[in-house]
Amino acid sequence: MQVSEITPVELAKYAREDETESDVISTFTLILSAVKAYIKGYTGLSDEQLNTKEDISIAVFVLSNEMYENRIFTVKDNNVNKVVQSILDMHSINLL
């Protein structure tokens, strides 16, 4: 699955939330936007480049779920899930 194909409804299902509730979907819409921005900033990849890396989709789902469970919409670099961090590190071209 490509990153561009991920929808807020799929994220809600992954988090085992009711995907028919509008407030849940609007929350996951915000989270999806924040996660994509974080991943692009972390890796230095464009939207097109993200779509060529299928494993980044897993990182999107995991980060989105963590943001939803913890009710935070930012990621601190020292608190990133190790699996997510290793996936993003494999594709990082932003090595500063």
PDB file of N, CA and C in Angstrom:
ATOM      1  N   MET A   1       0.839  -1.175   0.000  1.00  0.00           N
ATOM      2  CA  MET A   1       0.000   0.000   0.000  1.00  0.00           C
ATOM      3  C   MET A   1       0.886   1.241   0.000  1.00  0.00           C
ATOM      4  N   GLN A   2       0.537   2.188  -0.837  1.00  0.00           N
ATOM      5  CA  GLN A   2       1.281   3.441  -0.902  1.00  0.00           C
ATOM      6  C   GLN A   2       0.771   4.400   0.173  1.00  0.00           C
ATOM      7  N   VAL A   3       1.632   5.303   0.593  1.00  0.00           N
ATOM      8  CA  VAL A   3       1.268   6.276   1.621  1.00  0.00           C
ATOM      9  C   VAL A   3       0.086   7.124   1.160  1.00  0.00           C
ATOM     10  N   SER A   4       0.047   7.484  -0.106  1.00  0.00           N
ATOM     11  CA  SER A   4      -1.042   8.329  -0.615  1.00  0.00           C
ATOM     12  C   SER A   4      -2.393   7.616  -0.610  1.00  0.00           C
ATOM     13  N   GLU A   5      -2.395   6.295  -0.516  1.00  0.00           N
ATOM     14  CA  GLU A   5      -3.637   5.523  -0.510  1.00  0.00           C
ATOM     15  C   GLU A   5      -4.238   5.371   0.885  1.00  0.00           C
ATOM     16  N   ILE A   6      -3.500   5.735   1.914  1.00  0.00           N
ATOM     17  CA  ILE A   6      -3.982   5.581   3.288  1.00  0.00           C
ATOM     18  C   ILE A   6      -5.018   6.656   3.588  1.00  0.00           C
ATOM     19  N   THR A   7      -6.148   6.236   4.137  1.00  0.00           N
ATOM     20  CA  THR A   7      -7.231   7.164   4.464  1.00  0.00           C
ATOM     21  C   THR A   7      -7.450   7.208   5.974  1.00  0.00           C
ATOM     22  N   PRO A   8      -8.088   8.272   6.455  1.00  0.00           N
ATOM     23  CA  PRO A   8      -8.428   8.341   7.879  1.00  0.00           C
ATOM     24  C   PRO A   8      -9.315   7.177   8.332  1.00  0.00           C
ATOM     25  N   VAL A   9     -10.163   6.677   7.449  1.00  0.00           N
ATOM     26  CA  VAL A   9     -11.030   5.538   7.790  1.00  0.00           C
ATOM     27  C   VAL A   9     -10.184   4.295   8.070  1.00  0.00           C
ATOM     28  N   GLU A  10      -9.164   4.049   7.248  1.00  0.00           N
ATOM     29  CA  GLU A  10      -8.281   2.897   7.468  1.00  0.00           C
ATOM     30  C   GLU A  10      -7.510   3.034   8.775  1.00  0.00           C
ATOM     31  N   LEU A  11      -7.088   4.255   9.094  1.00  0.00           N
ATOM     32  CA  LEU A  11      -6.382   4.481  10.355  1.00  0.00           C
ATOM     33  C   LEU A  11      -7.300   4.227  11.544  1.00  0.00           C
ATOM     34  N   ALA A  12      -8.564   4.633  11.429  1.00  0.00           N
ATOM     35  CA  ALA A  12      -9.535   4.398  12.502  1.00  0.00           C
ATOM     36  C   ALA A  12      -9.763   2.900  12.697  1.00  0.00           C
ATOM     37  N   LYS A  13      -9.863   2.165  11.611  1.00  0.00           N
ATOM     38  CA  LYS A  13     -10.030   0.709  11.707  1.00  0.00           C
ATOM     39  C   LYS A  13      -8.811   0.073  12.367  1.00  0.00           C
ATOM     40  N   TYR A  14      -7.624   0.525  11.994  1.00  0.00           N
ATOM     41  CA  TYR A  14      -6.389  -0.004  12.573  1.00  0.00           C
ATOM     42  C   TYR A  14      -6.351   0.241  14.082  1.00  0.00           C
ATOM     43  N   ALA A  15      -6.876   1.388  14.501  1.00  0.00           N
ATOM     44  CA  ALA A  15      -6.905   1.736  15.925  1.00  0.00           C
ATOM     45  C   ALA A  15      -8.103   1.118  16.642  1.00  0.00           C
ATOM     46  N   ARG A  16      -8.892   0.350  15.905  1.00  0.00           N
ATOM     47  CA  ARG A  16     -10.092  -0.302  16.443  1.00  0.00           C
ATOM     48  C   ARG A  16     -11.100   0.711  16.981  1.00  0.00           C
ATOM     49  N   GLU A  17     -11.257   1.781  16.229  1.00  0.00           N
ATOM     50  CA  GLU A  17     -12.240   2.811  16.555  1.00  0.00           C
ATOM     51  C   GLU A  17     -13.372   2.751  15.548  1.00  0.00           C
ATOM     52  N   ASP A  18     -14.505   3.339  15.915  1.00  0.00           N
ATOM     53  CA  ASP A  18     -15.674   3.360  15.036  1.00  0.00           C
ATOM     54  C   ASP A  18     -15.422   4.332  13.891  1.00  0.00           C
ATOM     55  N   GLU A  19     -15.227   3.778  12.694  1.00  0.00           N
ATOM     56  CA  GLU A  19     -14.893   4.621  11.539  1.00  0.00           C
ATOM     57  C   GLU A  19     -16.091   5.355  10.971  1.00  0.00           C
ATOM     58  N   THR A  20     -17.274   5.179  11.576  1.00  0.00           N
ATOM     59  CA  THR A  20     -18.455   5.894  11.089  1.00  0.00           C
ATOM     60  C   THR A  20     -18.702   7.184  11.863  1.00  0.00           C
ATOM     61  N   GLU A  21     -18.017   7.376  12.977  1.00  0.00           N
ATOM     62  CA  GLU A  21     -18.195   8.599  13.761  1.00  0.00           C
ATOM     63  C   GLU A  21     -17.376   9.728  13.142  1.00  0.00           C
ATOM     64  N   SER A  22     -18.036  10.846  12.909  1.00  0.00           N
ATOM     65  CA  SER A  22     -17.366  11.955  12.222  1.00  0.00           C
ATOM     66  C   SER A  22     -16.242  12.564  13.050  1.00  0.00           C
ATOM     67  N   ASP A  23     -16.382  12.601  14.381  1.00  0.00           N
ATOM     68  CA  ASP A  23     -15.310  13.181  15.194  1.00  0.00           C
ATOM     69  C   ASP A  23     -14.059  12.297  15.182  1.00  0.00           C
ATOM     70  N   VAL A  24     -14.239  10.994  15.097  1.00  0.00           N
ATOM     71  CA  VAL A  24     -13.095  10.082  14.999  1.00  0.00           C
ATOM     72  C   VAL A  24     -12.384  10.282  13.664  1.00  0.00           C
ATOM     73  N   ILE A  25     -13.145  10.398  12.598  1.00  0.00           N
ATOM     74  CA  ILE A  25     -12.553  10.591  11.269  1.00  0.00           C
ATOM     75  C   ILE A  25     -11.845  11.935  11.185  1.00  0.00           C
ATOM     76  N   SER A  26     -12.438  12.990  11.764  1.00  0.00           N
ATOM     77  CA  SER A  26     -11.744  14.285  11.706  1.00  0.00           C
ATOM     78  C   SER A  26     -10.461  14.264  12.516  1.00  0.00           C
ATOM     79  N   THR A  27     -10.452  13.532  13.627  1.00  0.00           N
ATOM     80  CA  THR A  27      -9.223  13.407  14.403  1.00  0.00           C
ATOM     81  C   THR A  27      -8.155  12.677  13.593  1.00  0.00           C
ATOM     82  N   PHE A  28      -8.535  11.588  12.937  1.00  0.00           N
ATOM     83  CA  PHE A  28      -7.563  10.844  12.138  1.00  0.00           C
ATOM     84  C   PHE A  28      -7.142  11.607  10.882  1.00  0.00           C
ATOM     85  N   THR A  29      -7.962  12.501  10.395  1.00  0.00           N
ATOM     86  CA  THR A  29      -7.560  13.360   9.277  1.00  0.00           C
ATOM     87  C   THR A  29      -6.412  14.265   9.710  1.00  0.00           C
ATOM     88  N   LEU A  30      -6.536  14.856  10.896  1.00  0.00           N
ATOM     89  CA  LEU A  30      -5.460  15.698  11.437  1.00  0.00           C
ATOM     90  C   LEU A  30      -4.200  14.880  11.700  1.00  0.00           C
ATOM     91  N   ILE A  31      -4.390  13.711  12.282  1.00  0.00           N
ATOM     92  CA  ILE A  31      -3.251  12.852  12.597  1.00  0.00           C
ATOM     93  C   ILE A  31      -2.517  12.426  11.325  1.00  0.00           C
ATOM     94  N   LEU A  32      -3.257  12.043  10.297  1.00  0.00           N
ATOM     95  CA  LEU A  32      -2.634  11.623   9.036  1.00  0.00           C
ATOM     96  C   LEU A  32      -1.792  12.747   8.447  1.00  0.00           C
ATOM     97  N   SER A  33      -2.307  13.945   8.503  1.00  0.00           N
ATOM     98  CA  SER A  33      -1.565  15.100   7.999  1.00  0.00           C
ATOM     99  C   SER A  33      -0.285  15.317   8.808  1.00  0.00           C
ATOM    100  N   ALA A  34      -0.385  15.217  10.130  1.00  0.00           N
ATOM    101  CA  ALA A  34       0.782  15.407  10.997  1.00  0.00           C
ATOM    102  C   ALA A  34       1.825  14.314  10.779  1.00  0.00           C
ATOM    103  N   VAL A  35       1.382  13.081  10.625  1.00  0.00           N
ATOM    104  CA  VAL A  35       2.303  11.958  10.422  1.00  0.00           C
ATOM    105  C   VAL A  35       3.040  12.094   9.095  1.00  0.00           C
ATOM    106  N   LYS A  36       2.320  12.447   8.043  1.00  0.00           N
ATOM    107  CA  LYS A  36       2.976  12.622   6.741  1.00  0.00           C
ATOM    108  C   LYS A  36       4.016  13.738   6.807  1.00  0.00           C
ATOM    109  N   ALA A  37       3.687  14.835   7.472  1.00  0.00           N
ATOM    110  CA  ALA A  37       4.633  15.948   7.600  1.00  0.00           C
ATOM    111  C   ALA A  37       5.865  15.514   8.395  1.00  0.00           C
ATOM    112  N   TYR A  38       5.654  14.767   9.466  1.00  0.00           N
ATOM    113  CA  TYR A  38       6.775  14.285  10.274  1.00  0.00           C
ATOM    114  C   TYR A  38       7.683  13.371   9.449  1.00  0.00           C
ATOM    115  N   ILE A  39       7.087  12.431   8.733  1.00  0.00           N
ATOM    116  CA  ILE A  39       7.873  11.476   7.944  1.00  0.00           C
ATOM    117  C   ILE A  39       8.642  12.189   6.837  1.00  0.00           C
ATOM    118  N   LYS A  40       8.004  13.140   6.175  1.00  0.00           N
ATOM    119  CA  LYS A  40       8.705  13.882   5.113  1.00  0.00           C
ATOM    120  C   LYS A  40       9.851  14.697   5.701  1.00  0.00           C
ATOM    121  N   GLY A  41       9.631  15.315   6.856  1.00  0.00           N
ATOM    122  CA  GLY A  41      10.689  16.083   7.495  1.00  0.00           C
ATOM    123  C   GLY A  41      11.831  15.208   7.989  1.00  0.00           C
ATOM    124  N   TYR A  42      11.498  14.052   8.528  1.00  0.00           N
ATOM    125  CA  TYR A  42      12.501  13.126   9.064  1.00  0.00           C
ATOM    126  C   TYR A  42      13.352  12.529   7.954  1.00  0.00           C
ATOM    127  N   THR A  43      12.706  12.105   6.883  1.00  0.00           N
ATOM    128  CA  THR A  43      13.431  11.401   5.819  1.00  0.00           C
ATOM    129  C   THR A  43      13.966  12.318   4.731  1.00  0.00           C
ATOM    130  N   GLY A  44      13.308  13.445   4.516  1.00  0.00           N
ATOM    131  CA  GLY A  44      13.683  14.319   3.410  1.00  0.00           C
ATOM    132  C   GLY A  44      13.087  13.881   2.089  1.00  0.00           C
ATOM    133  N   LEU A  45      12.175  12.914   2.114  1.00  0.00           N
ATOM    134  CA  LEU A  45      11.551  12.405   0.892  1.00  0.00           C
ATOM    135  C   LEU A  45      10.336  13.241   0.510  1.00  0.00           C
ATOM    136  N   SER A  46      10.056  13.316  -0.781  1.00  0.00           N
ATOM    137  CA  SER A  46       8.855  13.996  -1.271  1.00  0.00           C
ATOM    138  C   SER A  46       7.678  13.025  -1.230  1.00  0.00           C
ATOM    139  N   ASP A  47       6.477  13.531  -1.516  1.00  0.00           N
ATOM    140  CA  ASP A  47       5.290  12.669  -1.565  1.00  0.00           C
ATOM    141  C   ASP A  47       5.462  11.555  -2.593  1.00  0.00           C
ATOM    142  N   GLU A  48       6.013  11.894  -3.737  1.00  0.00           N
ATOM    143  CA  GLU A  48       6.211  10.899  -4.789  1.00  0.00           C
ATOM    144  C   GLU A  48       7.200   9.820  -4.349  1.00  0.00           C
ATOM    145  N   GLN A  49       8.265  10.239  -3.688  1.00  0.00           N
ATOM    146  CA  GLN A  49       9.261   9.281  -3.214  1.00  0.00           C
ATOM    147  C   GLN A  49       8.691   8.387  -2.112  1.00  0.00           C
ATOM    148  N   LEU A  50       7.857   8.963  -1.240  1.00  0.00           N
ATOM    149  CA  LEU A  50       7.230   8.156  -0.185  1.00  0.00           C
ATOM    150  C   LEU A  50       6.394   7.032  -0.779  1.00  0.00           C
ATOM    151  N   ASN A  51       5.730   7.316  -1.880  1.00  0.00           N
ATOM    152  CA  ASN A  51       4.867   6.317  -2.505  1.00  0.00           C
ATOM    153  C   ASN A  51       5.628   5.145  -3.103  1.00  0.00           C
ATOM    154  N   THR A  52       6.929   5.291  -3.277  1.00  0.00           N
ATOM    155  CA  THR A  52       7.720   4.181  -3.815  1.00  0.00           C
ATOM    156  C   THR A  52       8.248   3.265  -2.712  1.00  0.00           C
ATOM    157  N   LYS A  53       8.053   3.647  -1.469  1.00  0.00           N
ATOM    158  CA  LYS A  53       8.553   2.873  -0.322  1.00  0.00           C
ATOM    159  C   LYS A  53       7.364   2.285   0.439  1.00  0.00           C
ATOM    160  N   GLU A  54       7.023   1.057   0.121  1.00  0.00           N
ATOM    161  CA  GLU A  54       5.824   0.429   0.692  1.00  0.00           C
ATOM    162  C   GLU A  54       5.909   0.266   2.207  1.00  0.00           C
ATOM    163  N   ASP A  55       7.100   0.043   2.756  1.00  0.00           N
ATOM    164  CA  ASP A  55       7.198  -0.174   4.193  1.00  0.00           C
ATOM    165  C   ASP A  55       6.949   1.088   5.009  1.00  0.00           C
ATOM    166  N   ILE A  56       7.008   2.243   4.390  1.00  0.00           N
ATOM    167  CA  ILE A  56       6.703   3.480   5.112  1.00  0.00           C
ATOM    168  C   ILE A  56       5.228   3.519   5.505  1.00  0.00           C
ATOM    169  N   SER A  57       4.387   2.797   4.791  1.00  0.00           N
ATOM    170  CA  SER A  57       2.968   2.714   5.160  1.00  0.00           C
ATOM    171  C   SER A  57       2.799   2.149   6.565  1.00  0.00           C
ATOM    172  N   ILE A  58       3.625   1.172   6.920  1.00  0.00           N
ATOM    173  CA  ILE A  58       3.576   0.604   8.274  1.00  0.00           C
ATOM    174  C   ILE A  58       3.895   1.688   9.293  1.00  0.00           C
ATOM    175  N   ALA A  59       4.896   2.497   9.000  1.00  0.00           N
ATOM    176  CA  ALA A  59       5.261   3.587   9.905  1.00  0.00           C
ATOM    177  C   ALA A  59       4.108   4.572  10.063  1.00  0.00           C
ATOM    178  N   VAL A  60       3.389   4.849   8.987  1.00  0.00           N
ATOM    179  CA  VAL A  60       2.239   5.758   9.052  1.00  0.00           C
ATOM    180  C   VAL A  60       1.176   5.194   9.992  1.00  0.00           C
ATOM    181  N   PHE A  61       0.863   3.918   9.851  1.00  0.00           N
ATOM    182  CA  PHE A  61      -0.155   3.300  10.705  1.00  0.00           C
ATOM    183  C   PHE A  61       0.267   3.296  12.174  1.00  0.00           C
ATOM    184  N   VAL A  62       1.510   2.925  12.444  1.00  0.00           N
ATOM    185  CA  VAL A  62       1.980   2.839  13.828  1.00  0.00           C
ATOM    186  C   VAL A  62       2.037   4.220  14.469  1.00  0.00           C
ATOM    187  N   LEU A  63       2.614   5.189  13.779  1.00  0.00           N
ATOM    188  CA  LEU A  63       2.683   6.547  14.323  1.00  0.00           C
ATOM    189  C   LEU A  63       1.293   7.134  14.547  1.00  0.00           C
ATOM    190  N   SER A  64       0.393   6.910  13.612  1.00  0.00           N
ATOM    191  CA  SER A  64      -0.971   7.425  13.742  1.00  0.00           C
ATOM    192  C   SER A  64      -1.666   6.828  14.953  1.00  0.00           C
ATOM    193  N   ASN A  65      -1.491   5.535  15.135  1.00  0.00           N
ATOM    194  CA  ASN A  65      -2.114   4.871  16.273  1.00  0.00           C
ATOM    195  C   ASN A  65      -1.542   5.390  17.591  1.00  0.00           C
ATOM    196  N   GLU A  66      -0.230   5.582  17.651  1.00  0.00           N
ATOM    197  CA  GLU A  66       0.390   6.105  18.868  1.00  0.00           C
ATOM    198  C   GLU A  66      -0.077   7.527  19.161  1.00  0.00           C
ATOM    199  N   MET A  67      -0.186   8.348  18.122  1.00  0.00           N
ATOM    200  CA  MET A  67      -0.681   9.711  18.324  1.00  0.00           C
ATOM    201  C   MET A  67      -2.111   9.703  18.839  1.00  0.00           C
ATOM    202  N   TYR A  68      -2.922   8.812  18.305  1.00  0.00           N
ATOM    203  CA  TYR A  68      -4.316   8.740  18.727  1.00  0.00           C
ATOM    204  C   TYR A  68      -4.431   8.234  20.163  1.00  0.00           C
ATOM    205  N   GLU A  69      -3.707   7.179  20.493  1.00  0.00           N
ATOM    206  CA  GLU A  69      -3.769   6.620  21.841  1.00  0.00           C
ATOM    207  C   GLU A  69      -3.269   7.594  22.890  1.00  0.00           C
ATOM    208  N   ASN A  70      -2.220   8.331  22.567  1.00  0.00           N
ATOM    209  CA  ASN A  70      -1.629   9.264  23.524  1.00  0.00           C
ATOM    210  C   ASN A  70      -2.209  10.665  23.429  1.00  0.00           C
ATOM    211  N   ARG A  71      -3.062  10.898  22.427  1.00  0.00           N
ATOM    212  CA  ARG A  71      -3.714  12.190  22.195  1.00  0.00           C
ATOM    213  C   ARG A  71      -2.703  13.327  22.062  1.00  0.00           C
ATOM    214  N   ILE A  72      -1.607  13.023  21.352  1.00  0.00           N
ATOM    215  CA  ILE A  72      -0.625  14.052  21.030  1.00  0.00           C
ATOM    216  C   ILE A  72      -0.484  14.106  19.520  1.00  0.00           C
ATOM    217  N   PHE A  73      -0.255  15.280  18.998  1.00  0.00           N
ATOM    218  CA  PHE A  73      -0.187  15.445  17.553  1.00  0.00           C
ATOM    219  C   PHE A  73       1.186  15.905  17.095  1.00  0.00           C
ATOM    220  N   THR A  74       2.178  15.663  17.930  1.00  0.00           N
ATOM    221  CA  THR A  74       3.566  15.910  17.555  1.00  0.00           C
ATOM    222  C   THR A  74       4.382  14.697  17.983  1.00  0.00           C
ATOM    223  N   VAL A  75       5.543  14.534  17.398  1.00  0.00           N
ATOM    224  CA  VAL A  75       6.419  13.414  17.740  1.00  0.00           C
ATOM    225  C   VAL A  75       7.725  13.987  18.245  1.00  0.00           C
ATOM    226  N   LYS A  76       8.150  13.515  19.404  1.00  0.00           N
ATOM    227  CA  LYS A  76       9.458  13.894  19.918  1.00  0.00           C
ATOM    228  C   LYS A  76      10.446  12.831  19.460  1.00  0.00           C
ATOM    229  N   ASP A  77      11.572  13.266  18.915  1.00  0.00           N
ATOM    230  CA  ASP A  77      12.533  12.324  18.335  1.00  0.00           C
ATOM    231  C   ASP A  77      13.032  11.285  19.330  1.00  0.00           C
ATOM    232  N   ASN A  78      13.099  11.621  20.606  1.00  0.00           N
ATOM    233  CA  ASN A  78      13.606  10.649  21.572  1.00  0.00           C
ATOM    234  C   ASN A  78      12.537   9.651  22.015  1.00  0.00           C
ATOM    235  N   ASN A  79      11.289   9.833  21.589  1.00  0.00           N
ATOM    236  CA  ASN A  79      10.211   8.923  21.971  1.00  0.00           C
ATOM    237  C   ASN A  79       9.627   8.167  20.784  1.00  0.00           C
ATOM    238  N   VAL A  80      10.347   8.080  19.693  1.00  0.00           N
ATOM    239  CA  VAL A  80       9.842   7.411  18.497  1.00  0.00           C
ATOM    240  C   VAL A  80       9.970   5.900  18.671  1.00  0.00           C
ATOM    241  N   ASN A  81       8.930   5.183  18.283  1.00  0.00           N
ATOM    242  CA  ASN A  81       8.924   3.725  18.278  1.00  0.00           C
ATOM    243  C   ASN A  81      10.151   3.237  17.505  1.00  0.00           C
ATOM    244  N   LYS A  82      10.863   2.258  18.061  1.00  0.00           N
ATOM    245  CA  LYS A  82      12.118   1.788  17.451  1.00  0.00           C
ATOM    246  C   LYS A  82      11.913   1.169  16.066  1.00  0.00           C
ATOM    247  N   VAL A  83      10.805   0.475  15.867  1.00  0.00           N
ATOM    248  CA  VAL A  83      10.525  -0.108  14.548  1.00  0.00           C
ATOM    249  C   VAL A  83      10.301   1.001  13.528  1.00  0.00           C
ATOM    250  N   VAL A  84       9.504   1.997  13.920  1.00  0.00           N
ATOM    251  CA  VAL A  84       9.243   3.136  13.040  1.00  0.00           C
ATOM    252  C   VAL A  84      10.543   3.859  12.728  1.00  0.00           C
ATOM    253  N   GLN A  85      11.345   4.086  13.754  1.00  0.00           N
ATOM    254  CA  GLN A  85      12.607   4.791  13.553  1.00  0.00           C
ATOM    255  C   GLN A  85      13.522   4.035  12.594  1.00  0.00           C
ATOM    256  N   SER A  86      13.593   2.724  12.718  1.00  0.00           N
ATOM    257  CA  SER A  86      14.470   1.972  11.815  1.00  0.00           C
ATOM    258  C   SER A  86      13.942   1.973  10.382  1.00  0.00           C
ATOM    259  N   ILE A  87      12.614   1.927  10.206  1.00  0.00           N
ATOM    260  CA  ILE A  87      12.042   2.023   8.854  1.00  0.00           C
ATOM    261  C   ILE A  87      12.386   3.372   8.238  1.00  0.00           C
ATOM    262  N   LEU A  88      12.186   4.437   9.008  1.00  0.00           N
ATOM    263  CA  LEU A  88      12.455   5.780   8.486  1.00  0.00           C
ATOM    264  C   LEU A  88      13.949   5.994   8.250  1.00  0.00           C
ATOM    265  N   ASP A  89      14.782   5.452   9.134  1.00  0.00           N
ATOM    266  CA  ASP A  89      16.234   5.589   8.955  1.00  0.00           C
ATOM    267  C   ASP A  89      16.717   4.911   7.671  1.00  0.00           C
ATOM    268  N   MET A  90      16.091   3.801   7.292  1.00  0.00           N
ATOM    269  CA  MET A  90      16.488   3.099   6.064  1.00  0.00           C
ATOM    270  C   MET A  90      16.283   3.959   4.823  1.00  0.00           C
ATOM    271  N   HIS A  91      15.303   4.852   4.875  1.00  0.00           N
ATOM    272  CA  HIS A  91      14.953   5.643   3.698  1.00  0.00           C
ATOM    273  C   HIS A  91      15.339   7.117   3.826  1.00  0.00           C
ATOM    274  N   SER A  92      16.033   7.455   4.886  1.00  0.00           N
ATOM    275  CA  SER A  92      16.369   8.853   5.129  1.00  0.00           C
ATOM    276  C   SER A  92      17.456   9.339   4.178  1.00  0.00           C
ATOM    277  N   ILE A  93      17.153  10.454   3.503  1.00  0.00           N
ATOM    278  CA  ILE A  93      18.170  11.113   2.679  1.00  0.00           C
ATOM    279  C   ILE A  93      18.552  12.449   3.309  1.00  0.00           C
ATOM    280  N   ASN A  94      17.886  12.762   4.397  1.00  0.00           N
ATOM    281  CA  ASN A  94      18.092  13.996   5.139  1.00  0.00           C
ATOM    282  C   ASN A  94      18.978  13.661   6.333  1.00  0.00           C
ATOM    283  N   LEU A  95      20.269  13.581   6.122  1.00  0.00           N
ATOM    284  CA  LEU A  95      21.179  13.040   7.124  1.00  0.00           C
ATOM    285  C   LEU A  95      21.811  14.083   8.036  1.00  0.00           C
ATOM    286  N   LEU A  96      21.160  15.178   8.259  1.00  0.00           N
ATOM    287  CA  LEU A  96      21.721  16.185   9.160  1.00  0.00           C
ATOM    288  C   LEU A  96      21.367  15.901  10.579  1.00  0.00           C
TER     289      LEU A  96
END
